N, C-alpha and C. Protein backbone atom coordinates (compact mmCIF):
# COMPACT_ATOMS: atom_id res chain seq x y z
N MET A 1 60.03 143.26 94.53
CA MET A 1 59.30 144.48 95.37
C MET A 1 57.63 143.80 95.39
N SER A 2 57.10 143.94 96.56
CA SER A 2 55.77 143.51 96.76
C SER A 2 54.60 144.60 96.22
N GLU A 3 53.42 143.99 95.98
CA GLU A 3 52.60 145.19 95.66
C GLU A 3 51.95 145.49 96.95
N GLN A 4 51.70 146.74 96.57
CA GLN A 4 51.27 147.74 97.65
C GLN A 4 49.73 147.52 97.69
N THR A 5 49.13 147.61 99.01
CA THR A 5 47.78 147.43 99.34
C THR A 5 47.21 149.00 98.67
N THR A 6 45.88 149.22 99.05
CA THR A 6 45.38 150.37 98.71
C THR A 6 45.62 151.28 99.89
N ALA A 7 45.66 151.01 101.11
CA ALA A 7 46.28 151.25 102.48
C ALA A 7 47.36 152.00 102.63
N GLU A 8 48.21 151.04 101.88
CA GLU A 8 49.49 151.02 101.89
C GLU A 8 49.69 152.25 100.94
N ARG A 9 49.32 152.71 99.72
CA ARG A 9 49.52 153.51 98.68
C ARG A 9 49.09 154.66 99.50
N GLU A 10 47.69 154.88 100.17
CA GLU A 10 47.48 156.06 100.68
C GLU A 10 48.42 156.56 101.60
N LEU A 11 49.32 155.72 102.28
CA LEU A 11 50.10 155.81 103.45
C LEU A 11 51.60 156.63 102.67
N ALA A 12 51.96 155.80 101.50
CA ALA A 12 53.20 156.42 101.10
C ALA A 12 52.90 157.78 100.29
N GLU A 13 51.54 157.71 99.94
CA GLU A 13 51.23 159.19 99.40
C GLU A 13 51.53 160.32 100.42
N LEU A 14 50.73 159.85 101.69
CA LEU A 14 51.04 160.83 102.78
C LEU A 14 52.61 160.98 103.43
N LEU A 15 53.49 159.88 103.25
CA LEU A 15 54.75 160.00 103.84
C LEU A 15 55.34 160.81 102.63
N VAL A 16 55.18 160.48 100.90
CA VAL A 16 55.92 161.11 100.55
C VAL A 16 55.44 162.93 100.57
N GLU A 17 54.47 163.32 100.40
CA GLU A 17 53.98 164.68 100.63
C GLU A 17 54.34 165.29 102.10
N SER A 18 53.99 164.34 103.14
CA SER A 18 54.53 165.17 104.56
C SER A 18 56.21 165.27 104.60
N LEU A 19 56.91 164.34 104.15
CA LEU A 19 58.29 164.53 104.31
C LEU A 19 58.95 165.37 102.87
N ASN A 20 58.01 165.87 102.10
CA ASN A 20 58.88 166.72 100.61
C ASN A 20 59.93 165.41 100.10
N LEU A 21 59.35 164.40 99.64
CA LEU A 21 60.30 163.35 98.94
C LEU A 21 59.93 163.42 97.71
N GLU A 22 60.11 164.66 97.10
CA GLU A 22 59.70 164.66 95.65
C GLU A 22 60.48 163.95 94.54
N ASP A 23 61.87 163.36 95.02
CA ASP A 23 62.28 162.57 93.85
C ASP A 23 61.85 160.98 93.91
N ILE A 24 60.56 160.53 95.16
CA ILE A 24 60.36 159.37 95.08
C ILE A 24 59.11 159.22 94.93
N ALA A 25 58.57 158.26 94.23
CA ALA A 25 57.37 158.37 93.50
C ALA A 25 56.41 157.23 94.95
N PRO A 26 55.58 157.75 95.27
CA PRO A 26 54.74 156.69 96.14
C PRO A 26 54.60 155.36 96.09
N SER A 27 54.27 155.02 94.23
CA SER A 27 54.11 153.64 94.22
C SER A 27 55.68 152.84 94.18
N ALA A 28 56.70 154.02 93.98
CA ALA A 28 57.98 153.29 94.06
C ALA A 28 58.59 152.65 95.34
N ILE A 29 57.48 152.82 96.47
CA ILE A 29 58.07 152.52 97.95
C ILE A 29 57.57 151.24 98.14
N ASP A 30 58.92 150.24 98.40
CA ASP A 30 58.51 148.84 98.63
C ASP A 30 58.27 148.54 100.15
N PRO A 31 56.67 148.13 99.90
CA PRO A 31 56.15 147.96 101.26
C PRO A 31 56.76 147.33 102.45
N GLU A 32 57.76 146.54 102.06
CA GLU A 32 58.61 145.64 102.93
C GLU A 32 59.89 146.05 103.31
N ALA A 33 60.36 147.18 102.56
CA ALA A 33 61.66 147.75 102.67
C ALA A 33 61.86 148.25 104.10
N PRO A 34 62.85 148.63 104.75
CA PRO A 34 62.79 149.57 105.68
C PRO A 34 62.49 150.75 105.68
N LEU A 35 62.18 151.73 106.42
CA LEU A 35 61.75 153.02 106.22
C LEU A 35 63.11 153.72 106.61
N PHE A 36 63.87 153.42 107.32
CA PHE A 36 64.86 154.02 108.16
C PHE A 36 66.30 153.27 107.91
N ASN A 37 67.20 154.33 108.00
CA ASN A 37 68.45 153.85 107.51
C ASN A 37 68.67 153.16 105.88
N THR A 38 68.89 151.82 105.77
CA THR A 38 69.07 151.36 104.54
C THR A 38 68.03 151.70 103.60
N GLY A 39 66.74 151.43 104.05
CA GLY A 39 65.51 151.78 103.00
C GLY A 39 65.49 152.73 102.50
N LEU A 40 64.68 153.85 102.97
CA LEU A 40 64.09 155.02 102.32
C LEU A 40 65.17 156.13 103.32
N GLY A 41 66.04 155.84 104.00
CA GLY A 41 66.93 156.65 104.73
C GLY A 41 66.29 157.59 105.34
N LEU A 42 65.10 157.33 106.21
CA LEU A 42 64.48 158.44 106.88
C LEU A 42 65.38 158.50 108.37
N ASP A 43 64.98 159.85 109.06
CA ASP A 43 65.68 159.92 110.46
C ASP A 43 64.76 160.27 111.19
N SER A 44 64.78 160.64 112.70
CA SER A 44 64.06 160.66 113.55
C SER A 44 63.27 161.66 113.63
N ILE A 45 63.69 162.89 112.93
CA ILE A 45 63.08 164.08 112.58
C ILE A 45 62.04 163.64 111.37
N ASP A 46 62.13 162.67 110.47
CA ASP A 46 61.28 162.28 109.45
C ASP A 46 60.26 161.39 110.53
N ALA A 47 60.43 160.66 111.31
CA ALA A 47 59.64 160.13 112.28
C ALA A 47 58.90 160.64 112.74
N LEU A 48 59.10 162.19 113.35
CA LEU A 48 58.05 162.97 114.17
C LEU A 48 57.41 163.61 113.26
N GLU A 49 57.74 163.91 111.83
CA GLU A 49 56.86 164.68 110.64
C GLU A 49 55.84 163.50 110.43
N LEU A 50 55.93 162.50 110.29
CA LEU A 50 55.39 161.36 109.80
C LEU A 50 54.19 161.11 110.78
N SER A 51 54.69 161.08 112.08
CA SER A 51 53.76 160.89 113.14
C SER A 51 52.72 161.75 113.11
N LEU A 52 52.96 163.31 113.08
CA LEU A 52 51.97 163.96 112.99
C LEU A 52 51.19 164.27 111.82
N ALA A 53 51.65 163.99 110.61
CA ALA A 53 51.05 163.59 109.61
C ALA A 53 49.76 162.59 109.95
N ILE A 54 50.35 161.34 110.08
CA ILE A 54 49.30 160.37 110.33
C ILE A 54 48.40 160.87 111.32
N SER A 55 48.81 161.28 112.54
CA SER A 55 47.65 161.91 113.65
C SER A 55 46.48 163.05 112.93
N LYS A 56 47.28 163.47 112.06
CA LYS A 56 45.93 164.55 111.29
C LYS A 56 44.93 163.59 110.56
N LYS A 57 45.98 162.85 109.86
CA LYS A 57 45.07 162.21 108.79
C LYS A 57 43.91 161.06 109.35
N TYR A 58 44.56 160.68 110.44
CA TYR A 58 43.92 159.21 110.79
C TYR A 58 43.34 159.28 112.30
N GLY A 59 43.69 160.56 112.72
CA GLY A 59 43.10 160.43 114.14
C GLY A 59 44.03 159.87 115.05
N LEU A 60 45.21 159.54 114.92
CA LEU A 60 46.07 158.36 115.71
C LEU A 60 47.02 158.93 116.28
N GLN A 61 47.17 158.45 117.40
CA GLN A 61 48.61 159.11 118.25
C GLN A 61 49.38 158.34 118.06
N LEU A 62 50.52 158.84 117.52
CA LEU A 62 51.80 157.79 117.63
C LEU A 62 52.96 158.24 118.60
N ARG A 63 53.09 157.75 119.64
CA ARG A 63 53.85 158.35 121.14
C ARG A 63 55.40 157.89 120.83
N SER A 64 56.10 158.71 121.14
CA SER A 64 57.64 158.72 120.90
C SER A 64 58.28 157.71 122.03
N ASP A 65 57.53 157.53 122.87
CA ASP A 65 58.00 156.89 124.17
C ASP A 65 57.39 155.45 123.84
N ASN A 66 56.72 155.01 123.08
CA ASN A 66 55.84 153.72 122.61
C ASN A 66 57.39 152.60 122.15
N GLU A 67 57.43 151.56 122.85
CA GLU A 67 58.39 150.81 122.87
C GLU A 67 58.29 149.87 121.25
N GLU A 68 57.11 149.78 121.15
CA GLU A 68 56.86 149.29 119.64
C GLU A 68 57.20 149.93 118.37
N ASN A 69 57.52 151.37 118.77
CA ASN A 69 57.81 152.11 117.37
C ASN A 69 58.94 151.49 116.31
N ARG A 70 60.15 150.74 116.86
CA ARG A 70 60.90 150.32 116.10
C ARG A 70 60.17 149.06 115.07
N LYS A 71 59.33 148.39 115.68
CA LYS A 71 58.51 147.45 115.05
C LYS A 71 57.33 148.07 114.13
N ILE A 72 56.54 149.35 114.62
CA ILE A 72 55.59 149.95 113.92
C ILE A 72 56.20 150.85 112.77
N PHE A 73 57.36 151.43 112.91
CA PHE A 73 57.80 152.01 111.38
C PHE A 73 58.84 151.32 111.02
N ALA A 74 58.95 150.16 110.75
CA ALA A 74 59.72 148.84 110.40
C ALA A 74 59.68 149.36 108.73
N SER A 75 58.63 149.41 108.38
CA SER A 75 58.28 149.42 106.82
C SER A 75 57.13 150.18 106.58
N LEU A 76 56.72 150.06 105.71
CA LEU A 76 55.45 150.82 105.23
C LEU A 76 54.39 149.85 105.34
N ARG A 77 54.62 148.45 105.22
CA ARG A 77 53.56 147.66 105.34
C ARG A 77 53.27 147.56 107.08
N ALA A 78 54.32 147.55 107.75
CA ALA A 78 54.02 147.39 109.32
C ALA A 78 53.52 148.74 109.82
N LEU A 79 53.48 150.00 109.28
CA LEU A 79 53.49 151.15 109.69
C LEU A 79 51.71 150.89 109.10
N SER A 80 51.30 150.58 107.66
CA SER A 80 49.99 150.55 107.22
C SER A 80 49.07 149.68 108.22
N GLU A 81 49.75 148.51 108.88
CA GLU A 81 49.20 147.53 109.24
C GLU A 81 48.50 148.04 110.72
N TYR A 82 49.63 148.84 111.37
CA TYR A 82 49.38 149.60 112.60
C TYR A 82 48.16 150.64 112.42
N VAL A 83 48.38 151.25 111.66
CA VAL A 83 47.33 152.45 111.23
C VAL A 83 45.84 151.98 111.24
N GLN A 84 45.99 151.01 110.33
CA GLN A 84 44.62 150.26 110.00
C GLN A 84 43.78 149.76 111.43
N GLN A 85 44.87 149.21 112.19
CA GLN A 85 44.26 148.46 113.43
C GLN A 85 43.89 149.45 114.56
N HIS A 86 44.61 150.66 114.56
CA HIS A 86 44.43 151.53 115.43
C HIS A 86 43.88 153.07 115.26
N ARG A 87 43.64 153.18 113.67
CA ARG A 87 42.89 154.35 113.47
C ARG A 87 41.32 154.88 114.11
N ALA A 88 41.31 156.04 114.34
CA ALA A 88 39.69 156.48 114.95
C ALA A 88 38.76 156.00 113.66
N ALA A 89 37.71 155.35 114.20
CA ALA A 89 36.61 155.19 113.52
C ALA A 89 36.10 156.16 112.72
């Protein structure tokens, strides 16, 4: 498992909180593992919840019609990099 960066840890905590994943420690989320299907097993409803939480915390709109969503939500690392690049200053 790769080591989480500070930004990834913060996002992992938001993910666990917003999706009520009580049985998963934020530090246990592999930043390179898939968030959906085989990885954490999240679904499209989770993606919506997570998008809302990210919007509130970072002032960043994640649109459902964005063709990049599959890449953006591929892993904690990919999501964190996207948030860091696009978050409101």
